Protein backbone atom coordinates (compact mmCIF):
# COMPACT_ATOMS: atom_id res chain seq x y z
CA MET A 1 55.05 62.91 -3.29
CA ALA A 2 56.08 64.98 -0.78
CA LEU A 3 54.65 67.68 0.97
CA ARG A 4 56.26 71.22 1.42
CA GLU A 5 55.14 73.76 3.93
CA ASN A 6 56.90 76.52 5.29
CA SER A 7 60.14 75.28 3.69
CA VAL A 8 59.99 72.15 5.53
CA ASN A 9 60.29 68.69 3.13
CA TYR A 10 57.81 65.84 4.64
CA SER A 11 59.14 62.73 3.16
CA VAL A 12 55.65 60.83 3.85
CA SER A 13 53.07 61.00 1.26
CA ASN A 14 50.42 63.77 1.09
CA LYS A 15 47.75 61.30 2.18
CA GLU A 16 49.49 59.92 5.38
CA ILE A 17 49.54 63.85 6.14
CA GLN A 18 46.11 64.43 5.21
CA ALA A 19 44.87 61.81 7.54
CA LEU A 20 47.05 63.07 10.50
CA ASN A 21 45.80 66.53 9.73
CA GLU A 22 42.10 65.68 10.08
CA LYS A 23 42.38 63.84 13.49
CA ALA A 24 44.67 66.69 14.92
CA GLN A 25 41.81 69.20 13.81
CA LYS A 26 39.18 66.95 15.12
CA TYR A 27 41.35 66.85 18.53
CA ALA A 28 41.78 70.54 18.24
CA GLU A 29 38.57 71.89 17.86
CA LYS A 30 37.64 69.97 21.50
CA LEU A 31 40.85 71.21 23.03
CA ASN A 32 40.44 74.82 22.01
CA LEU A 33 36.76 74.71 23.76
CA VAL A 34 38.79 74.35 26.98
CA PHE A 35 40.21 78.09 26.59
CA ASP A 36 36.59 79.35 26.49
CA GLU A 37 35.38 77.26 29.18
CA SER A 38 38.23 77.98 31.57
CA HIS A 39 37.93 81.85 31.10
CA LYS A 40 34.33 81.79 32.83
CA VAL A 41 36.36 81.23 36.05
CA VAL A 42 39.87 82.27 35.34
CA ILE A 43 40.70 85.86 34.08
CA GLY A 44 43.56 86.17 31.89
CA GLN A 45 46.35 83.91 32.09
CA GLU A 46 46.03 82.82 28.51
CA GLU A 47 50.06 82.05 27.91
CA ALA A 48 50.07 80.10 31.15
CA LEU A 49 46.32 78.07 30.50
CA ARG A 50 47.86 77.36 26.89
CA LYS A 51 51.18 75.68 28.17
CA ILE A 52 49.57 73.69 30.78
CA LEU A 53 47.27 72.20 28.15
CA ILE A 54 50.35 71.62 26.21
CA SER A 55 51.91 69.71 29.31
CA ILE A 56 48.76 67.55 29.61
CA ILE A 57 48.96 66.76 25.90
CA SER A 58 52.19 65.98 26.21
CA ASP A 59 52.31 64.18 29.47
CA GLY A 60 54.68 66.33 30.99
CA HIS A 61 54.75 68.09 34.59
CA VAL A 62 54.97 71.66 35.02
CA LEU A 63 57.18 73.99 37.35
CA LEU A 64 55.09 77.26 37.73
CA GLU A 65 57.14 79.94 39.03
CA SER A 66 55.20 83.44 40.14
CA VAL A 67 54.39 85.32 43.39
CA PRO A 68 51.19 84.25 45.53
CA GLY A 69 47.52 84.95 44.50
CA LEU A 70 47.78 84.55 40.95
CA ALA A 71 45.34 81.89 39.97
CA LYS A 72 47.39 78.90 40.33
CA THR A 73 45.08 76.70 42.47
CA LEU A 74 42.29 78.09 40.57
CA MET A 75 43.96 77.04 37.34
CA VAL A 76 44.40 73.59 38.55
CA LYS A 77 41.04 73.16 39.75
CA THR A 78 39.58 74.39 36.41
CA MET A 79 41.62 72.31 34.21
CA SER A 80 40.59 69.20 36.70
CA GLN A 81 36.73 69.98 36.48
CA ILE A 82 37.31 70.48 32.63
CA PHE A 83 39.10 67.31 31.98
CA ASN A 84 36.65 65.39 34.86
CA VAL A 85 39.66 64.39 36.83
CA ASP A 86 40.19 64.52 40.60
CA HIS A 87 42.93 66.95 42.07
CA VAL A 88 44.74 67.94 45.05
CA ARG A 89 46.22 71.09 46.58
CA ILE A 90 49.63 70.00 49.05
CA GLN A 91 51.18 72.50 50.66
CA PHE A 92 54.85 71.82 51.14
CA THR A 93 56.34 72.55 54.51
CA PRO A 94 59.66 72.22 56.42
CA ASP A 95 57.97 69.50 58.45
CA LEU A 96 56.39 67.20 55.68
CA LEU A 97 57.24 63.79 55.47
CA PRO A 98 57.74 61.52 52.42
CA ALA A 99 54.69 59.67 53.79
CA ASP A 100 52.84 62.62 53.93
CA ILE A 101 53.18 62.79 49.83
CA VAL A 102 53.10 59.18 49.01
CA GLY A 103 51.37 57.27 51.78
CA THR A 104 52.10 54.43 54.60
CA LYS A 105 50.56 51.37 56.16
CA ILE A 106 48.74 51.70 59.35
CA TYR A 107 48.21 48.97 61.74
CA LYS A 108 44.37 48.13 62.26
CA ASN A 109 43.93 46.54 65.71
CA VAL A 110 40.68 45.31 64.64
CA SER A 111 41.99 43.05 62.02
CA GLY A 112 45.42 42.73 63.41
CA SER A 113 46.80 43.39 60.22
CA PHE A 114 48.53 46.67 58.24
CA VAL A 115 46.34 48.47 55.68
CA THR A 116 47.51 50.75 53.15
CA GLN A 117 46.92 54.45 53.16
CA LYS A 118 47.70 56.34 50.15
CA GLY A 119 48.90 59.77 49.93
CA PRO A 120 47.49 62.90 48.18
CA ILE A 121 50.21 61.89 45.08
CA PHE A 122 47.25 59.16 44.03
CA HIS A 123 45.34 61.87 41.97
CA ASN A 124 45.36 63.03 38.46
CA PHE A 125 46.28 66.50 38.90
CA VAL A 126 48.60 67.35 41.72
CA LEU A 127 49.30 70.86 42.52
CA ALA A 128 52.66 70.91 44.87
CA ASP A 129 52.25 74.70 46.48
CA GLU A 130 55.77 75.93 47.38
CA ILE A 131 57.87 72.71 46.47
CA ASN A 132 61.06 74.64 47.45
CA ARG A 133 59.59 74.75 51.14
CA ALA A 134 59.78 71.10 51.64
CA PRO A 135 63.32 69.26 52.85
CA PRO A 136 65.19 67.28 49.95
CA LYS A 137 63.88 63.68 50.77
CA VAL A 138 60.33 64.85 50.36
CA GLN A 139 61.13 66.66 47.19
CA SER A 140 62.86 63.70 46.15
CA ALA A 141 59.98 61.53 47.02
CA LEU A 142 57.77 63.87 44.70
CA LEU A 143 60.04 63.95 41.91
CA GLU A 144 60.56 60.11 41.99
CA ALA A 145 57.08 59.49 41.43
CA MET A 146 56.64 61.82 38.91
CA GLN A 147 59.30 60.08 36.66
CA GLU A 148 58.23 56.50 37.63
CA ARG A 149 54.48 56.96 37.63
CA THR A 150 54.62 54.45 40.44
CA VAL A 151 55.14 54.67 44.32
CA SER A 152 56.44 52.17 46.77
CA ILE A 153 54.94 51.96 50.11
CA HIS A 154 56.67 49.54 52.69
CA GLY A 155 57.72 47.21 49.93
CA ASP A 156 54.60 47.36 47.87
CA THR A 157 54.60 49.17 44.47
CA TYR A 158 51.45 50.99 43.27
CA GLU A 159 50.63 52.75 40.20
CA LEU A 160 49.45 56.20 39.92
CA LYS A 161 46.55 57.47 38.14
CA LYS A 162 46.18 58.12 34.48
CA PRO A 163 46.44 60.93 33.43
CA PHE A 164 48.75 62.12 35.91
CA LEU A 165 50.01 65.67 36.02
CA VAL A 166 52.01 67.60 38.66
CA LEU A 167 52.43 71.41 38.84
CA ALA A 168 54.76 72.30 41.28
CA THR A 169 54.87 76.24 42.34
CA GLN A 170 57.73 77.95 43.82
CA ASN A 171 57.87 81.78 44.57
CA PRO A 172 60.90 83.72 43.13
CA ILE A 173 61.09 86.25 45.65
CA GLU A 174 60.95 84.52 49.03
CA ASN A 175 64.09 82.64 49.59
CA GLU A 176 64.37 82.50 53.35
CA GLY A 177 63.59 79.02 54.66
CA THR A 178 63.47 77.10 51.55
CA TYR A 179 65.39 74.29 50.08
CA LYS A 180 66.75 75.02 46.27
CA LEU A 181 65.61 72.13 44.00
CA PRO A 182 68.71 70.41 42.74
CA GLU A 183 69.17 70.94 38.82
CA ALA A 184 69.04 66.99 38.11
CA GLN A 185 65.35 66.76 39.80
CA VAL A 186 64.50 70.55 37.99
CA ASP A 187 65.27 68.82 34.73
CA ARG A 188 62.16 66.46 35.40
CA PHE A 189 59.89 68.96 34.48
CA ALA A 190 59.13 69.18 30.98
CA PHE A 191 57.97 73.00 31.37
CA LYS A 192 59.24 75.73 33.51
CA ILE A 193 56.02 78.56 33.44
CA LEU A 194 56.76 82.06 34.27
CA ILE A 195 53.06 83.77 35.76
CA ASP A 196 53.01 87.14 35.47
CA TYR A 197 50.69 89.77 36.99
CA PRO A 198 47.26 90.60 35.32
CA SER A 199 46.72 93.62 33.38
CA LYS A 200 44.69 96.44 34.56
CA LEU A 201 41.81 95.62 32.60
CA GLU A 202 41.92 92.10 33.78
CA GLU A 203 42.28 93.13 37.35
CA LEU A 204 39.17 95.42 37.01
CA GLU A 205 37.74 92.11 35.70
CA ILE A 206 38.92 90.07 38.83
CA ILE A 207 37.69 92.78 41.14
CA GLU A 208 34.42 92.92 39.66
CA LYS A 209 33.68 89.21 39.60
CA ASN A 210 34.83 88.68 43.26
CA SER A 211 32.23 91.55 44.33
CA SER A 212 29.38 89.81 43.18
CA ASP A 213 27.58 86.76 44.30
CA ASN A 214 27.64 85.42 40.64
CA THR A 215 29.59 82.31 41.00
CA ARG A 216 30.44 80.50 37.81
CA SER A 217 31.33 76.96 36.96
CA VAL A 218 32.69 75.27 34.49
CA LYS A 219 31.76 71.84 32.64
CA SER A 220 33.28 68.82 31.74
CA LEU A 221 34.35 68.69 28.10
CA ILE A 222 36.93 65.97 27.88
CA THR A 223 37.09 62.59 30.00
CA PRO A 224 40.16 61.19 31.42
CA ASP A 225 40.14 58.27 28.29
CA GLU A 226 40.03 61.16 25.79
CA ILE A 227 42.89 62.89 27.52
CA LEU A 228 45.14 59.55 27.22
CA GLU A 229 43.71 58.89 23.62
CA ILE A 230 45.00 62.28 22.88
CA GLN A 231 48.23 62.05 24.34
CA LYS A 232 48.73 58.76 22.26
CA PHE A 233 47.75 60.56 18.94
CA ASN A 234 50.47 63.16 20.01
CA GLU A 235 53.27 60.81 19.66
CA LYS A 236 52.10 59.94 16.00
CA ILE A 237 52.41 63.80 14.93
CA TYR A 238 54.76 63.96 12.35
CA ALA A 239 58.35 65.46 12.55
CA ASP A 240 60.35 65.81 9.69
CA LYS A 241 64.23 65.19 10.03
CA THR A 242 65.26 69.02 8.96
CA VAL A 243 63.01 69.81 12.23
CA THR A 244 64.47 67.08 14.31
CA GLU A 245 67.97 68.61 13.26
CA TYR A 246 66.75 72.20 14.14
CA ILE A 247 65.79 70.81 17.79
CA ALA A 248 69.17 69.32 18.46
CA ASP A 249 71.09 72.26 16.91
CA ILE A 250 68.76 74.29 19.32
CA VAL A 251 70.01 72.36 22.46
CA HIS A 252 73.40 71.87 21.19
CA ALA A 253 74.21 75.67 21.15
CA THR A 254 73.44 75.77 24.77
CA ARG A 255 76.34 73.64 25.38
CA LYS A 256 78.66 74.19 22.60
CA PRO A 257 77.85 77.92 21.45
CA LYS A 258 81.36 78.63 19.87
CA ASP A 259 80.16 75.66 17.50
CA TYR A 260 77.37 78.10 16.30
CA ASP A 261 79.31 81.13 16.20
CA LEU A 262 77.89 82.52 19.26
CA ASP A 263 79.39 84.25 21.93
CA LEU A 264 77.86 82.88 24.83
CA ASP A 265 80.83 81.01 26.77
CA ASN A 266 80.89 83.63 29.33
CA MET A 267 77.00 83.61 29.79
CA ILE A 268 76.56 79.50 29.84
CA GLU A 269 77.91 77.30 33.05
CA PHE A 270 75.88 74.15 31.50
CA GLY A 271 73.96 73.83 28.59
CA ALA A 272 70.55 71.80 28.50
CA SER A 273 70.41 67.91 29.06
CA PRO A 274 69.52 65.29 26.60
CA ARG A 275 65.76 65.67 27.94
CA ALA A 276 65.77 69.21 26.48
CA SER A 277 65.50 67.60 23.15
CA ILE A 278 62.81 65.03 24.30
CA TRP A 279 60.49 67.65 25.29
CA LEU A 280 61.18 70.25 22.90
CA MET A 281 59.78 67.60 20.55
CA ARG A 282 56.83 66.19 22.59
CA THR A 283 55.69 69.97 23.23
CA ALA A 284 56.11 70.86 19.90
CA LYS A 285 53.85 68.33 18.37
CA ALA A 286 51.31 69.32 21.18
CA ASN A 287 51.68 72.79 20.14
CA ALA A 288 51.05 71.36 16.42
CA LEU A 289 48.01 69.47 17.51
CA LEU A 290 46.40 72.62 19.46
CA ASN A 291 46.80 74.38 15.90
CA GLY A 292 45.16 71.46 13.96
CA ARG A 293 47.98 70.13 12.31
CA GLY A 294 49.40 66.61 12.22
CA PHE A 295 53.01 67.61 11.73
CA ILE A 296 55.41 69.81 13.71
CA ILE A 297 57.09 73.01 11.84
CA PRO A 298 59.73 75.19 13.36
CA GLU A 299 57.24 78.02 14.64
CA ASP A 300 56.20 75.00 16.91
CA VAL A 301 59.32 74.61 18.33
CA LYS A 302 59.97 78.00 18.93
CA ALA A 303 56.61 78.52 20.53
CA VAL A 304 57.72 76.09 23.48
CA ALA A 305 61.40 76.73 23.58
CA HIS A 306 61.56 79.03 26.46
CA GLU A 307 59.28 76.97 28.62
CA VAL A 308 61.52 73.88 28.02
CA LEU A 309 64.72 75.47 28.20
CA ARG A 310 64.52 78.41 30.65
CA HIS A 311 65.14 75.98 33.74
CA ARG A 312 67.98 73.47 31.93
CA ILE A 313 70.34 76.37 31.29
CA ILE A 314 72.79 77.34 34.15
CA LEU A 315 74.09 80.90 33.94
CA THR A 316 77.76 81.74 34.97
CA PHE A 317 77.99 84.30 37.92
CA GLU A 318 79.03 87.00 35.69
CA ALA A 319 76.00 86.51 33.25
CA GLU A 320 73.73 87.11 36.35
CA ALA A 321 75.57 89.85 37.77
CA ASN A 322 74.79 91.45 34.34
CA GLY A 323 71.06 91.03 34.54
CA ILE A 324 71.30 88.35 31.92
CA ASN A 325 68.50 85.76 32.44
CA PRO A 326 67.96 82.53 30.35
CA ASP A 327 65.07 83.66 28.41
CA LYS A 328 67.78 86.15 27.22
CA VAL A 329 70.27 83.46 26.25
CA ILE A 330 67.49 81.18 24.38
CA ASP A 331 66.47 84.53 22.70
CA PHE A 332 70.12 84.61 21.19
CA VAL A 333 70.32 81.00 20.18
CA LEU A 334 66.99 81.42 18.32
CA GLU A 335 68.27 84.21 16.69
CA LYS A 336 71.27 82.60 15.43
CA ILE A 337 69.86 78.83 14.54
CA SER A 338 68.31 78.91 11.19
CA PRO A 339 64.99 77.09 11.13
CA PRO A 340 64.99 74.66 8.26
């Protein structure tokens, strides 16, 4: 017997779906407490916090784009406390070296031998602040560690901690003295999250909280082992073939828009890579899990489409000159591609 919901036909049994739903609901109840706990410290930024949580569930890294002062460091610190993991903030500068990130070997006169000194990359949550201010070789060292989950120090290979999350930031306003991240390296980030200014009401709350001595802290809700357990379960979230095809259509429409009757050839220089399809699936599953479902529906895909695709679509000069941004192109694609 097949289960039908939101016009998607599920080819697994109701019993299997029910078992997935029950487990997803159990995890969702715990994960949704993270929002209440984080708002004891972080004012607003609901969408950014949700997308960071989705990235943790799907085991993907995040590129955060915002002007300074919008609580990026605070969000990472708060999340690390809630998940009971260690965190570090690395300020990227032009004089930074790869060894400053991954570590090096130091000669000890007393023992007459070299000792490995591990770098800050050996933390669970790493905030790489202003990643575009460091030279390419430093960016490459970080991004290689993100991809491989291992680090080589003078020929010796070390595994990074689990869970492992990199949140890299860049300022969209300041370009002087920066090194643009190559598109191939940007593609390694699961999400690109845009963080906006707080509303007036949120601003008033920020002023009030920072004008008093009433400092608030958060408590640990989830252990590192539970995070790994949730990440493993996320892989089991069911995806029907029709939803998988929907994901493939969205990504292919960014490469060959004419095949989908989209007049975007003059806007798109290069479409999204296959990594986009992979991360649309993984993060859509995480979105479903947060909603207490053991299966994904098209709405889950739409919920994460902008964050997955916006840094993977390269626009033409003509499109940029006309004020078109990647999010607008993604809107066109989502409007045109019919969900199952």
